[in-house]
Amino acid sequence: MGAVDKEGRKLVAPDGGWGWMVVVGVMLVNLSTRSIEPSFGLLFGDKLRDMGVATTGASIIISALDATINFSGLFVGPLIRKYSYRKVALIGSVLSAVGLITTFPAESMTHILSTYSIMGGLGIGFTLSSTFVALNHYFSKKRGQAIGLSMVGTALGMMAMPQAVHLLLEEYNFHGSLLILGGIALHALVGSMLLQPVEWHVRPEELKKNENEQLENMGKKQENEPEVQSLLLENPQTSVTAISALDDIDKQDPIGSKCTEHVPHTVSNRGVSVHKWSQSVMSKISRMDFTGSCHTHTVISVTR
């Protein structure tokens, strides 16, 4: 995408989040607009027969529809760049629905070609391209999964629509069925509204990377802590050196002197033994509160 935030970090696709709502929107758009295509013969068969064109007219109408859908690709790219995929999807949804609704009084081939094939074909072409662009913006690693799920709407619609058209023709004949199907196509507007601009949901690329690094550092610190404690117990001289370092810190920072009151120590020539109450001296140094408070006490006694 090439966008960056105020701190100069690259912004990447969310790969989820609102992207799954975009998938639902694409499913709804496909279900509302494209599911009627396999039912064309069932819906227009009797009407074309009455007009005396039958199979010839059906092939011309379908061919014109497919050609318009493919031809619309010449306009979709510039429109999306000038406006947005969301606005183009809304325009396509309106064209698709209006194309069906204005076809209901058709009594000629010219009428059907101009409304169903050309107007409806432009609407389907606009929605098809804009929804694909939306998925491409919202997903990178999970793009294949998102596109596959979005096609479920088309598949379900193509299976259920022939049965629905058959029932509609029995109840409302050709004209009433087209009006109802046009109303169903208007539901694509709801799906198009879900295609929010991806700029609202992008995230910095380094955010997740920094979180992983922090978790790794914490894990390494916990792994090294037992080794440091065992080293202190095996090598008393190390503990003495660590205490000397603690004294130097207290001398430099008067506020930290309160902590040393709880750490009495004496060094002899014969040996040093370390008794740990809660944690090692090294752990105490790494976790001490330099504001002047102490959370643990370590006592070093001398044995002669």
C-alpha atoms as a PDB file:
ATOM      1  CA  MET A   1       0.000   0.000   0.000  1.00  0.00           C
ATOM      2  CA  GLY A   2       2.993   2.364   0.574  1.00  0.00           C
ATOM      3  CA  ALA A   3       1.362   4.452   3.327  1.00  0.00           C
ATOM      4  CA  VAL A   4       3.245   5.369   6.507  1.00  0.00           C
ATOM      5  CA  ASP A   5       2.185   6.736   9.882  1.00  0.00           C
ATOM      6  CA  LYS A   6       3.446   9.857  11.675  1.00  0.00           C
ATOM      7  CA  GLU A   7       6.445   7.935  13.042  1.00  0.00           C
ATOM      8  CA  GLY A   8       7.478   6.760   9.594  1.00  0.00           C
ATOM      9  CA  ARG A   9       6.397   3.143  10.088  1.00  0.00           C
ATOM     10  CA  LYS A  10       4.906   1.360   7.097  1.00  0.00           C
ATOM     11  CA  LEU A  11       1.175   0.657   7.327  1.00  0.00           C
ATOM     12  CA  VAL A  12       0.074  -2.820   6.240  1.00  0.00           C
ATOM     13  CA  ALA A  13      -3.226  -4.589   5.657  1.00  0.00           C
ATOM     14  CA  PRO A  14      -5.021  -5.748   8.835  1.00  0.00           C
ATOM     15  CA  ASP A  15      -5.280  -9.344   7.516  1.00  0.00           C
ATOM     16  CA  GLY A  16      -8.363  -9.859   9.679  1.00  0.00           C
ATOM     17  CA  GLY A  17     -10.381  -7.700  12.020  1.00  0.00           C
ATOM     18  CA  TRP A  18     -12.829  -5.662   9.961  1.00  0.00           C
ATOM     19  CA  GLY A  19     -11.566  -7.555   6.930  1.00  0.00           C
ATOM     20  CA  TRP A  20     -13.886 -10.446   7.821  1.00  0.00           C
ATOM     21  CA  MET A  21     -16.838  -8.041   7.733  1.00  0.00           C
ATOM     22  CA  VAL A  22     -15.660  -7.046   4.262  1.00  0.00           C
ATOM     23  CA  VAL A  23     -15.805 -10.734   3.311  1.00  0.00           C
ATOM     24  CA  VAL A  24     -19.426 -10.832   4.545  1.00  0.00           C
ATOM     25  CA  GLY A  25     -20.181  -7.713   2.491  1.00  0.00           C
ATOM     26  CA  VAL A  26     -18.704  -9.272  -0.644  1.00  0.00           C
ATOM     27  CA  MET A  27     -20.762 -12.414  -0.057  1.00  0.00           C
ATOM     28  CA  LEU A  28     -23.919 -10.319   0.193  1.00  0.00           C
ATOM     29  CA  VAL A  29     -23.072  -8.367  -2.972  1.00  0.00           C
ATOM     30  CA  ASN A  30     -22.454 -11.545  -4.964  1.00  0.00           C
ATOM     31  CA  LEU A  31     -25.591 -13.177  -3.615  1.00  0.00           C
ATOM     32  CA  SER A  32     -27.729 -10.166  -4.585  1.00  0.00           C
ATOM     33  CA  THR A  33     -26.357  -9.456  -8.052  1.00  0.00           C
ATOM     34  CA  ARG A  34     -24.820 -12.515  -9.692  1.00  0.00           C
ATOM     35  CA  SER A  35     -27.017 -15.343  -8.435  1.00  0.00           C
ATOM     36  CA  ILE A  36     -29.732 -14.646 -11.046  1.00  0.00           C
ATOM     37  CA  GLU A  37     -27.486 -15.434 -14.026  1.00  0.00           C
ATOM     38  CA  PRO A  38     -28.053 -19.236 -14.066  1.00  0.00           C
ATOM     39  CA  SER A  39     -31.819 -18.623 -13.844  1.00  0.00           C
ATOM     40  CA  PHE A  40     -31.981 -16.542 -17.026  1.00  0.00           C
ATOM     41  CA  GLY A  41     -33.544 -19.271 -19.171  1.00  0.00           C
ATOM     42  CA  LEU A  42     -36.139 -20.057 -16.535  1.00  0.00           C
ATOM     43  CA  LEU A  43     -37.007 -16.388 -16.033  1.00  0.00           C
ATOM     44  CA  PHE A  44     -36.993 -15.152 -19.647  1.00  0.00           C
ATOM     45  CA  GLY A  45     -37.857 -18.354 -21.507  1.00  0.00           C
ATOM     46  CA  ASP A  46     -41.614 -17.830 -21.841  1.00  0.00           C
ATOM     47  CA  LYS A  47     -41.236 -14.103 -22.469  1.00  0.00           C
ATOM     48  CA  LEU A  48     -38.774 -14.594 -25.329  1.00  0.00           C
ATOM     49  CA  ARG A  49     -40.966 -17.308 -26.813  1.00  0.00           C
ATOM     50  CA  ASP A  50     -43.924 -14.938 -26.824  1.00  0.00           C
ATOM     51  CA  MET A  51     -41.807 -12.336 -28.628  1.00  0.00           C
ATOM     52  CA  GLY A  52     -40.860 -14.935 -31.272  1.00  0.00           C
ATOM     53  CA  VAL A  53     -37.094 -14.914 -30.660  1.00  0.00           C
ATOM     54  CA  ALA A  54     -36.706 -17.920 -28.358  1.00  0.00           C
ATOM     55  CA  THR A  55     -33.173 -19.381 -28.300  1.00  0.00           C
ATOM     56  CA  THR A  56     -31.663 -16.810 -30.658  1.00  0.00           C
ATOM     57  CA  GLY A  57     -32.769 -13.936 -28.467  1.00  0.00           C
ATOM     58  CA  ALA A  58     -31.587 -15.702 -25.327  1.00  0.00           C
ATOM     59  CA  SER A  59     -28.091 -16.237 -26.710  1.00  0.00           C
ATOM     60  CA  ILE A  60     -27.844 -12.600 -27.842  1.00  0.00           C
ATOM     61  CA  ILE A  61     -28.947 -11.277 -24.436  1.00  0.00           C
ATOM     62  CA  ILE A  62     -26.546 -13.514 -22.520  1.00  0.00           C
ATOM     63  CA  SER A  63     -23.646 -12.731 -24.845  1.00  0.00           C
ATOM     64  CA  ALA A  64     -24.308  -8.997 -24.534  1.00  0.00           C
ATOM     65  CA  LEU A  65     -24.402  -9.331 -20.738  1.00  0.00           C
ATOM     66  CA  ASP A  66     -21.049 -11.136 -20.595  1.00  0.00           C
ATOM     67  CA  ALA A  67     -19.467  -8.682 -23.027  1.00  0.00           C
ATOM     68  CA  THR A  68     -20.649  -5.707 -20.963  1.00  0.00           C
ATOM     69  CA  ILE A  69     -19.297  -7.245 -17.730  1.00  0.00           C
ATOM     70  CA  ASN A  70     -15.880  -7.719 -19.335  1.00  0.00           C
ATOM     71  CA  PHE A  71     -15.985  -4.332 -21.080  1.00  0.00           C
ATOM     72  CA  SER A  72     -16.701  -2.568 -17.777  1.00  0.00           C
ATOM     73  CA  GLY A  73     -13.153  -3.357 -16.683  1.00  0.00           C
ATOM     74  CA  LEU A  74     -11.955  -0.467 -18.849  1.00  0.00           C
ATOM     75  CA  PHE A  75     -13.800   1.982 -16.587  1.00  0.00           C
ATOM     76  CA  VAL A  76     -13.463   0.336 -13.182  1.00  0.00           C
ATOM     77  CA  GLY A  77      -9.741   1.011 -12.712  1.00  0.00           C
ATOM     78  CA  PRO A  78      -9.891   4.785 -13.279  1.00  0.00           C
ATOM     79  CA  LEU A  79     -13.112   5.073 -11.274  1.00  0.00           C
ATOM     80  CA  ILE A  80     -11.621   3.270  -8.263  1.00  0.00           C
ATOM     81  CA  ARG A  81      -8.490   5.440  -8.375  1.00  0.00           C
ATOM     82  CA  LYS A  82     -10.538   8.631  -8.604  1.00  0.00           C
ATOM     83  CA  TYR A  83     -13.171   7.715  -6.043  1.00  0.00           C
ATOM     84  CA  SER A  84     -12.892   4.444  -4.081  1.00  0.00           C
ATOM     85  CA  TYR A  85     -13.850   0.787  -4.369  1.00  0.00           C
ATOM     86  CA  ARG A  86     -16.679   1.421  -1.905  1.00  0.00           C
ATOM     87  CA  LYS A  87     -18.311   4.123  -4.047  1.00  0.00           C
ATOM     88  CA  VAL A  88     -17.854   2.092  -7.214  1.00  0.00           C
ATOM     89  CA  ALA A  89     -19.490  -0.907  -5.516  1.00  0.00           C
ATOM     90  CA  LEU A  90     -22.432   1.289  -4.505  1.00  0.00           C
ATOM     91  CA  ILE A  91     -22.816   2.566  -8.071  1.00  0.00           C
ATOM     92  CA  GLY A  92     -22.645  -0.991  -9.400  1.00  0.00           C
ATOM     93  CA  SER A  93     -25.268  -2.187  -6.915  1.00  0.00           C
ATOM     94  CA  VAL A  94     -27.662   0.564  -7.960  1.00  0.00           C
ATOM     95  CA  LEU A  95     -27.131  -0.127 -11.683  1.00  0.00           C
ATOM     96  CA  SER A  96     -27.687  -3.854 -11.198  1.00  0.00           C
ATOM     97  CA  ALA A  97     -30.916  -3.364  -9.252  1.00  0.00           C
ATOM     98  CA  VAL A  98     -32.262  -0.648 -11.574  1.00  0.00           C
ATOM     99  CA  GLY A  99     -31.458  -2.806 -14.587  1.00  0.00           C
ATOM    100  CA  LEU A 100     -33.684  -5.594 -13.269  1.00  0.00           C
ATOM    101  CA  ILE A 101     -36.472  -3.281 -12.144  1.00  0.00           C
ATOM    102  CA  THR A 102     -36.642  -1.398 -15.458  1.00  0.00           C
ATOM    103  CA  THR A 103     -36.754  -4.672 -17.402  1.00  0.00           C
ATOM    104  CA  PHE A 104     -40.146  -5.708 -15.998  1.00  0.00           C
ATOM    105  CA  PRO A 105     -42.267  -3.834 -18.663  1.00  0.00           C
ATOM    106  CA  ALA A 106     -40.081  -5.100 -21.549  1.00  0.00           C
ATOM    107  CA  GLU A 107     -41.901  -6.107 -24.730  1.00  0.00           C
ATOM    108  CA  SER A 108     -38.970  -6.107 -27.145  1.00  0.00           C
ATOM    109  CA  MET A 109     -35.423  -7.381 -27.532  1.00  0.00           C
ATOM    110  CA  THR A 110     -34.053  -3.861 -27.628  1.00  0.00           C
ATOM    111  CA  HIS A 111     -35.572  -3.076 -24.244  1.00  0.00           C
ATOM    112  CA  ILE A 112     -34.126  -6.189 -22.631  1.00  0.00           C
ATOM    113  CA  LEU A 113     -30.696  -5.596 -24.162  1.00  0.00           C
ATOM    114  CA  SER A 114     -30.539  -1.983 -22.974  1.00  0.00           C
ATOM    115  CA  THR A 115     -31.723  -2.613 -19.413  1.00  0.00           C
ATOM    116  CA  TYR A 116     -30.843  -6.181 -18.452  1.00  0.00           C
ATOM    117  CA  SER A 117     -27.706  -6.727 -20.566  1.00  0.00           C
ATOM    118  CA  ILE A 118     -26.067  -3.285 -20.700  1.00  0.00           C
ATOM    119  CA  MET A 119     -27.217  -1.543 -17.510  1.00  0.00           C
ATOM    120  CA  GLY A 120     -27.246  -4.721 -15.437  1.00  0.00           C
ATOM    121  CA  GLY A 121     -23.950  -5.886 -16.961  1.00  0.00           C
ATOM    122  CA  LEU A 122     -22.232  -2.614 -16.029  1.00  0.00           C
ATOM    123  CA  GLY A 123     -23.562  -2.959 -12.482  1.00  0.00           C
ATOM    124  CA  ILE A 124     -22.298  -6.515 -12.109  1.00  0.00           C
ATOM    125  CA  GLY A 125     -18.924  -5.574 -13.621  1.00  0.00           C
ATOM    126  CA  PHE A 126     -18.494  -2.637 -11.242  1.00  0.00           C
ATOM    127  CA  THR A 127     -19.385  -4.637  -8.138  1.00  0.00           C
ATOM    128  CA  LEU A 128     -17.295  -7.637  -9.156  1.00  0.00           C
ATOM    129  CA  SER A 129     -14.125  -5.609  -9.696  1.00  0.00           C
ATOM    130  CA  SER A 130     -14.532  -3.296  -6.710  1.00  0.00           C
ATOM    131  CA  THR A 131     -15.167  -6.139  -4.252  1.00  0.00           C
ATOM    132  CA  PHE A 132     -12.084  -7.964  -5.476  1.00  0.00           C
ATOM    133  CA  VAL A 133      -9.996  -4.804  -5.016  1.00  0.00           C
ATOM    134  CA  ALA A 134     -11.378  -4.403  -1.479  1.00  0.00           C
ATOM    135  CA  LEU A 135     -10.342  -7.944  -0.528  1.00  0.00           C
ATOM    136  CA  ASN A 136      -6.936  -7.356  -2.086  1.00  0.00           C
ATOM    137  CA  HIS A 137      -6.445  -4.278   0.117  1.00  0.00           C
ATOM    138  CA  TYR A 138      -7.610  -5.895   3.359  1.00  0.00           C
ATOM    139  CA  PHE A 139      -5.706  -9.176   3.114  1.00  0.00           C
ATOM    140  CA  SER A 140      -2.171 -10.214   2.235  1.00  0.00           C
ATOM    141  CA  LYS A 141      -1.272 -13.538   3.881  1.00  0.00           C
ATOM    142  CA  LYS A 142      -4.900 -14.704   4.173  1.00  0.00           C
ATOM    143  CA  ARG A 143      -6.016 -13.393   0.789  1.00  0.00           C
ATOM    144  CA  GLY A 144      -6.760 -16.814  -0.709  1.00  0.00           C
ATOM    145  CA  GLN A 145      -8.883 -17.811   2.268  1.00  0.00           C
ATOM    146  CA  ALA A 146     -10.823 -14.524   2.152  1.00  0.00           C
ATOM    147  CA  ILE A 147     -11.537 -14.793  -1.583  1.00  0.00           C
ATOM    148  CA  GLY A 148     -12.653 -18.409  -1.182  1.00  0.00           C
ATOM    149  CA  LEU A 149     -15.075 -17.511   1.607  1.00  0.00           C
ATOM    150  CA  SER A 150     -16.452 -14.564  -0.362  1.00  0.00           C
ATOM    151  CA  MET A 151     -17.340 -16.841  -3.263  1.00  0.00           C
ATOM    152  CA  VAL A 152     -19.594 -18.847  -0.954  1.00  0.00           C
ATOM    153  CA  GLY A 153     -22.280 -16.163  -1.435  1.00  0.00           C
ATOM    154  CA  THR A 154     -22.255 -16.677  -5.196  1.00  0.00           C
ATOM    155  CA  ALA A 155     -22.357 -20.462  -4.901  1.00  0.00           C
ATOM    156  CA  LEU A 156     -25.247 -20.474  -2.432  1.00  0.00           C
ATOM    157  CA  GLY A 157     -27.184 -17.942  -4.500  1.00  0.00           C
ATOM    158  CA  MET A 158     -26.749 -19.883  -7.709  1.00  0.00           C
ATOM    159  CA  MET A 159     -28.072 -23.025  -6.030  1.00  0.00           C
ATOM    160  CA  ALA A 160     -31.056 -21.388  -4.336  1.00  0.00           C
ATOM    161  CA  MET A 161     -32.103 -18.817  -6.945  1.00  0.00           C
ATOM    162  CA  PRO A 162     -33.595 -21.230  -9.553  1.00  0.00           C
ATOM    163  CA  GLN A 163     -35.981 -22.571  -6.929  1.00  0.00           C
ATOM    164  CA  ALA A 164     -36.895 -19.065  -5.850  1.00  0.00           C
ATOM    165  CA  VAL A 165     -37.473 -17.924  -9.449  1.00  0.00           C
ATOM    166  CA  HIS A 166     -39.721 -20.908 -10.100  1.00  0.00           C
ATOM    167  CA  LEU A 167     -41.887 -20.024  -7.091  1.00  0.00           C
ATOM    168  CA  LEU A 168     -41.970 -16.341  -8.035  1.00  0.00           C
ATOM    169  CA  LEU A 169     -43.111 -17.077 -11.583  1.00  0.00           C
ATOM    170  CA  GLU A 170     -45.953 -19.228 -10.292  1.00  0.00           C
ATOM    171  CA  GLU A 171     -47.142 -16.513  -7.930  1.00  0.00           C
ATOM    172  CA  TYR A 172     -46.322 -13.202  -9.638  1.00  0.00           C
ATOM    173  CA  ASN A 173     -45.607 -14.017 -13.348  1.00  0.00           C
ATOM    174  CA  PHE A 174     -42.710 -12.455 -15.303  1.00  0.00           C
ATOM    175  CA  HIS A 175     -43.295  -8.778 -14.474  1.00  0.00           C
ATOM    176  CA  GLY A 176     -43.830  -9.220 -10.742  1.00  0.00           C
ATOM    177  CA  SER A 177     -40.866 -11.606 -10.452  1.00  0.00           C
ATOM    178  CA  LEU A 178     -38.488  -9.057 -11.975  1.00  0.00           C
ATOM    179  CA  LEU A 179     -39.631  -6.380  -9.530  1.00  0.00           C
ATOM    180  CA  ILE A 180     -39.010  -8.684  -6.580  1.00  0.00           C
ATOM    181  CA  LEU A 181     -35.605  -9.737  -7.919  1.00  0.00           C
ATOM    182  CA  GLY A 182     -34.755  -6.064  -8.363  1.00  0.00           C
ATOM    183  CA  GLY A 183     -35.595  -5.507  -4.701  1.00  0.00           C
ATOM    184  CA  ILE A 184     -33.335  -8.420  -3.743  1.00  0.00           C
ATOM    185  CA  ALA A 185     -30.529  -6.876  -5.808  1.00  0.00           C
ATOM    186  CA  LEU A 186     -30.841  -3.688  -3.736  1.00  0.00           C
ATOM    187  CA  HIS A 187     -29.454  -5.650  -0.772  1.00  0.00           C
ATOM    188  CA  ALA A 188     -26.078  -5.312  -2.489  1.00  0.00           C
ATOM    189  CA  LEU A 189     -26.099  -1.723  -1.184  1.00  0.00           C
ATOM    190  CA  VAL A 190     -25.833  -3.071   2.367  1.00  0.00           C
ATOM    191  CA  GLY A 191     -22.910  -5.274   1.404  1.00  0.00           C
ATOM    192  CA  SER A 192     -21.200  -2.372  -0.358  1.00  0.00           C
ATOM    193  CA  MET A 193     -21.494  -0.202   2.767  1.00  0.00           C
ATOM    194  CA  LEU A 194     -19.408  -2.776   4.642  1.00  0.00           C
ATOM    195  CA  LEU A 195     -16.471  -2.106   2.304  1.00  0.00           C
ATOM    196  CA  GLN A 196     -14.992   0.587   4.514  1.00  0.00           C
ATOM    197  CA  PRO A 197     -11.773   2.322   3.381  1.00  0.00           C
ATOM    198  CA  VAL A 198      -8.798   0.212   4.410  1.00  0.00           C
ATOM    199  CA  GLU A 199      -7.096   3.360   5.757  1.00  0.00           C
ATOM    200  CA  TRP A 200      -9.452   3.163   8.729  1.00  0.00           C
ATOM    201  CA  HIS A 201      -8.099  -0.222   9.774  1.00  0.00           C
ATOM    202  CA  VAL A 202      -4.416  -0.436   8.769  1.00  0.00           C
ATOM    203  CA  ARG A 203      -1.766  -1.034  11.443  1.00  0.00           C
ATOM    204  CA  PRO A 204       1.990  -0.326  11.692  1.00  0.00           C
ATOM    205  CA  GLU A 205       4.122  -3.133  10.302  1.00  0.00           C
ATOM    206  CA  GLU A 206       6.611  -3.091  13.199  1.00  0.00           C
ATOM    207  CA  LEU A 207       3.994  -3.283  15.964  1.00  0.00           C
ATOM    208  CA  LYS A 208       3.653  -7.047  15.920  1.00  0.00           C
ATOM    209  CA  LYS A 209       7.400  -7.466  15.431  1.00  0.00           C
ATOM    210  CA  ASN A 210       8.226  -5.411  18.542  1.00  0.00           C
ATOM    211  CA  GLU A 211       5.729  -7.368  20.620  1.00  0.00           C
ATOM    212  CA  ASN A 212       7.362 -10.650  19.590  1.00  0.00           C
ATOM    213  CA  GLU A 213      10.822  -9.321  20.448  1.00  0.00           C
ATOM    214  CA  GLN A 214       9.670  -8.297  23.933  1.00  0.00           C
ATOM    215  CA  LEU A 215       8.222 -11.737  24.561  1.00  0.00           C
ATOM    216  CA  GLU A 216      11.450 -13.381  23.416  1.00  0.00           C
ATOM    217  CA  ASN A 217      13.559 -11.149  25.675  1.00  0.00           C
ATOM    218  CA  MET A 218      11.368 -11.955  28.678  1.00  0.00           C
ATOM    219  CA  GLY A 219      11.699 -15.660  27.954  1.00  0.00           C
ATOM    220  CA  LYS A 220      15.494 -15.424  27.712  1.00  0.00           C
ATOM    221  CA  LYS A 221      15.650 -13.494  30.997  1.00  0.00           C
ATOM    222  CA  GLN A 222      13.647 -16.161  32.808  1.00  0.00           C
ATOM    223  CA  GLU A 223      15.856 -18.894  31.340  1.00  0.00           C
ATOM    224  CA  ASN A 224      19.101 -17.175  32.427  1.00  0.00           C
ATOM    225  CA  GLU A 225      17.971 -16.387  35.981  1.00  0.00           C
ATOM    226  CA  PRO A 226      18.476 -19.933  37.412  1.00  0.00           C
ATOM    227  CA  GLU A 227      21.964 -20.033  35.851  1.00  0.00           C
ATOM    228  CA  VAL A 228      22.956 -16.778  37.567  1.00  0.00           C
ATOM    229  CA  GLN A 229      21.665 -18.023  40.930  1.00  0.00           C
ATOM    230  CA  SER A 230      23.558 -21.294  40.659  1.00  0.00           C
ATOM    231  CA  LEU A 231      26.702 -19.373  39.691  1.00  0.00           C
ATOM    232  CA  LEU A 232      26.464 -17.235  42.836  1.00  0.00           C
ATOM    233  CA  LEU A 233      26.096 -20.283  45.064  1.00  0.00           C
ATOM    234  CA  GLU A 234      29.032 -22.086  43.434  1.00  0.00           C
ATOM    235  CA  ASN A 235      31.353 -19.068  43.418  1.00  0.00           C
ATOM    236  CA  PRO A 236      31.150 -16.957  46.628  1.00  0.00           C
ATOM    237  CA  GLN A 237      33.705 -14.510  45.261  1.00  0.00           C
ATOM    238  CA  THR A 238      31.196 -13.526  42.582  1.00  0.00           C
ATOM    239  CA  SER A 239      28.666 -12.620  45.245  1.00  0.00           C
ATOM    240  CA  VAL A 240      31.213 -10.494  47.072  1.00  0.00           C
ATOM    241  CA  THR A 241      31.993  -8.638  43.863  1.00  0.00           C
ATOM    242  CA  ALA A 242      28.300  -8.111  43.257  1.00  0.00           C
ATOM    243  CA  ILE A 243      27.857  -6.648  46.748  1.00  0.00           C
ATOM    244  CA  SER A 244      30.783  -4.326  46.135  1.00  0.00           C
ATOM    245  CA  ALA A 245      29.056  -3.139  43.001  1.00  0.00           C
ATOM    246  CA  LEU A 246      25.937  -2.533  45.051  1.00  0.00           C
ATOM    247  CA  ASP A 247      27.950  -0.417  47.485  1.00  0.00           C
ATOM    248  CA  ASP A 248      29.313   1.665  44.617  1.00  0.00           C
ATOM    249  CA  ILE A 249      25.785   2.289  43.363  1.00  0.00           C
ATOM    250  CA  ASP A 250      24.667   3.370  46.838  1.00  0.00           C
ATOM    251  CA  LYS A 251      27.579   5.794  47.121  1.00  0.00           C
ATOM    252  CA  GLN A 252      26.729   7.377  43.799  1.00  0.00           C
ATOM    253  CA  ASP A 253      23.022   7.644  44.556  1.00  0.00           C
ATOM    254  CA  PRO A 254      22.218   8.796  48.123  1.00  0.00           C
ATOM    255  CA  ILE A 255      18.602   7.794  47.627  1.00  0.00           C
ATOM    256  CA  GLY A 256      19.608   4.175  47.205  1.00  0.00           C
ATOM    257  CA  SER A 257      21.500   4.168  50.498  1.00  0.00           C
ATOM    258  CA  LYS A 258      18.341   3.139  52.309  1.00  0.00           C
ATOM    259  CA  CYS A 259      18.511  -0.225  50.646  1.00  0.00           C
ATOM    260  CA  THR A 260      22.010  -1.013  51.922  1.00  0.00           C
ATOM    261  CA  GLU A 261      20.872  -0.754  55.528  1.00  0.00           C
ATOM    262  CA  HIS A 262      19.196  -4.101  55.079  1.00  0.00           C
ATOM    263  CA  VAL A 263      22.279  -5.765  53.551  1.00  0.00           C
ATOM    264  CA  PRO A 264      24.890  -6.248  56.315  1.00  0.00           C
ATOM    265  CA  HIS A 265      28.033  -7.966  55.080  1.00  0.00           C
ATOM    266  CA  THR A 266      31.487  -8.905  56.375  1.00  0.00           C
ATOM    267  CA  VAL A 267      34.333 -10.454  54.387  1.00  0.00           C
ATOM    268  CA  SER A 268      36.933 -12.750  55.995  1.00  0.00           C
ATOM    269  CA  ASN A 269      39.963 -14.551  54.679  1.00  0.00           C
ATOM    270  CA  ARG A 270      38.639 -18.011  55.391  1.00  0.00           C
ATOM    271  CA  GLY A 271      35.374 -18.079  53.453  1.00  0.00           C
ATOM    272  CA  VAL A 272      31.969 -16.658  52.798  1.00  0.00           C
ATOM    273  CA  SER A 273      28.610 -18.408  52.922  1.00  0.00           C
ATOM    274  CA  VAL A 274      25.496 -16.989  51.317  1.00  0.00           C
ATOM    275  CA  HIS A 275      22.021 -17.466  52.726  1.00  0.00           C
ATOM    276  CA  LYS A 276      19.264 -16.552  50.291  1.00  0.00           C
ATOM    277  CA  TRP A 277      15.914 -15.609  51.813  1.00  0.00           C
ATOM    278  CA  SER A 278      13.930 -14.978  48.608  1.00  0.00           C
ATOM    279  CA  GLN A 279      16.310 -14.505  45.679  1.00  0.00           C
ATOM    280  CA  SER A 280      19.974 -14.107  44.728  1.00  0.00           C
ATOM    281  CA  VAL A 281      22.070 -10.961  45.045  1.00  0.00           C
ATOM    282  CA  MET A 282      22.284 -10.590  41.283  1.00  0.00           C
ATOM    283  CA  SER A 283      18.527 -10.806  41.021  1.00  0.00           C
ATOM    284  CA  LYS A 284      18.295  -8.178  43.774  1.00  0.00           C
ATOM    285  CA  ILE A 285      20.529  -5.794  41.847  1.00  0.00           C
ATOM    286  CA  SER A 286      18.567  -6.259  38.643  1.00  0.00           C
ATOM    287  CA  ARG A 287      15.236  -5.692  40.375  1.00  0.00           C
ATOM    288  CA  MET A 288      16.073  -3.118  43.075  1.00  0.00           C
ATOM    289  CA  ASP A 289      13.997   0.063  43.169  1.00  0.00           C
ATOM    290  CA  PHE A 290      16.343   3.031  42.728  1.00  0.00           C
ATOM    291  CA  THR A 291      13.743   5.377  44.195  1.00  0.00           C
ATOM    292  CA  GLY A 292      14.864   4.306  47.621  1.00  0.00           C
ATOM    293  CA  SER A 293      12.729   1.295  48.516  1.00  0.00           C
ATOM    294  CA  CYS A 294      13.807  -2.309  48.861  1.00  0.00           C
ATOM    295  CA  HIS A 295      11.654  -5.319  48.181  1.00  0.00           C
ATOM    296  CA  THR A 296      13.927  -8.129  49.418  1.00  0.00           C
ATOM    297  CA  HIS A 297      16.629  -8.643  52.041  1.00  0.00           C
ATOM    298  CA  THR A 298      19.848 -10.609  51.609  1.00  0.00           C
ATOM    299  CA  VAL A 299      22.043 -11.516  54.552  1.00  0.00           C
ATOM    300  CA  ILE A 300      25.690 -12.508  54.179  1.00  0.00           C
ATOM    301  CA  SER A 301      27.286 -14.078  57.168  1.00  0.00           C
ATOM    302  CA  VAL A 302      30.898 -15.009  57.780  1.00  0.00           C
ATOM    303  CA  THR A 303      32.120 -18.372  58.972  1.00  0.00           C
ATOM    304  CA  ARG A 304      35.574 -18.838  60.456  1.00  0.00           C
END
